[in-house]
Amino acid sequence: MNIAQTIYQHVKTMPIEKAVEVLHFIEFLETKQDVAINEAETNDVQEFMQTLPFGQRTDADINTQFQALRDEWDQS
């Protein structure tokens, strides 16, 4: 059995509302453009993620920074 037949077997046992949802999803997939991920873009994202301060600040540090922002906003 090929993939189209397998999908058909599943859809034909569904209530009509669900089958219509499947049809809409298929139509959506047909209109959606395939987006190739550029390897250079992937590397850029990975490099950016490595610059983020994950695990480098304590909760106290974060709370202090938020409080400084709140104080600054209150003065505005």
Protein backbone atom coordinates (compact mmCIF):
# COMPACT_ATOMS: atom_id res chain seq x y z
CA MET A 1 0.00 0.00 0.00
CA ASN A 2 1.44 3.39 -0.95
CA ILE A 3 1.22 6.58 1.11
CA ALA A 4 -1.83 7.95 -0.75
CA GLN A 5 -3.73 4.71 -0.11
CA THR A 6 -2.72 4.72 3.55
CA ILE A 7 -3.94 8.30 3.97
CA TYR A 8 -7.17 7.40 2.16
CA GLN A 9 -7.75 4.42 4.48
CA HIS A 10 -7.42 6.70 7.50
CA VAL A 11 -9.54 9.52 6.09
CA LYS A 12 -12.44 7.37 4.91
CA THR A 13 -13.11 6.21 8.49
CA MET A 14 -13.09 9.75 9.93
CA PRO A 15 -16.12 11.91 10.59
CA ILE A 16 -16.64 14.38 7.74
CA GLU A 17 -15.48 17.32 9.88
CA LYS A 18 -12.10 15.71 10.49
CA ALA A 19 -11.76 14.65 6.86
CA VAL A 20 -12.37 18.26 5.82
CA GLU A 21 -9.61 19.34 8.24
CA VAL A 22 -7.26 16.85 6.60
CA LEU A 23 -8.17 18.25 3.19
CA HIS A 24 -7.52 21.81 4.37
CA PHE A 25 -4.17 20.76 5.78
CA ILE A 26 -3.20 19.10 2.50
CA GLU A 27 -4.21 22.23 0.60
CA PHE A 28 -2.15 24.31 3.01
CA LEU A 29 0.87 22.09 2.45
CA GLU A 30 0.44 22.40 -1.31
CA THR A 31 0.53 26.21 -1.13
CA LYS A 32 3.33 26.44 1.41
CA GLN A 33 6.67 27.22 -0.16
CA ASP A 34 9.53 24.90 0.60
CA VAL A 35 12.13 26.83 2.53
CA ALA A 36 15.66 25.57 2.24
CA ILE A 37 17.71 26.33 5.30
CA ASN A 38 20.87 28.04 4.28
CA GLU A 39 23.83 26.52 6.11
CA ALA A 40 25.37 29.97 6.58
CA GLU A 41 22.14 31.18 8.24
CA THR A 42 22.17 28.15 10.50
CA ASN A 43 25.75 28.91 11.52
CA ASP A 44 24.82 32.54 12.18
CA VAL A 45 22.01 31.46 14.48
CA GLN A 46 24.25 29.00 16.30
CA GLU A 47 26.92 31.67 16.79
CA PHE A 48 24.29 34.09 18.10
CA MET A 49 22.91 31.49 20.51
CA GLN A 50 26.41 30.91 21.89
CA THR A 51 26.71 34.61 22.75
CA LEU A 52 23.59 34.54 24.93
CA PRO A 53 24.22 34.52 28.67
CA PHE A 54 22.52 31.20 29.42
CA GLY A 55 23.52 29.99 32.84
CA GLN A 56 25.91 32.89 33.35
CA ARG A 57 23.63 34.98 35.56
CA THR A 58 22.07 34.13 38.87
CA ASP A 59 18.45 34.82 39.73
CA ALA A 60 19.66 37.62 41.96
CA ASP A 61 21.54 39.22 39.04
CA ILE A 62 18.46 39.02 36.83
CA ASN A 63 16.21 40.42 39.56
CA THR A 64 18.64 43.29 40.13
CA GLN A 65 18.62 44.13 36.43
CA PHE A 66 14.82 44.00 36.28
CA GLN A 67 14.55 46.20 39.33
CA ALA A 68 16.93 48.72 37.74
CA LEU A 69 14.70 48.79 34.64
CA ARG A 70 11.57 49.23 36.78
CA ASP A 71 13.23 52.09 38.65
CA GLU A 72 14.24 53.70 35.36
CA TRP A 73 10.68 53.37 33.99
CA ASP A 74 9.23 54.85 37.19
CA GLN A 75 11.44 57.91 36.77
CA SER A 76 10.19 58.48 33.21
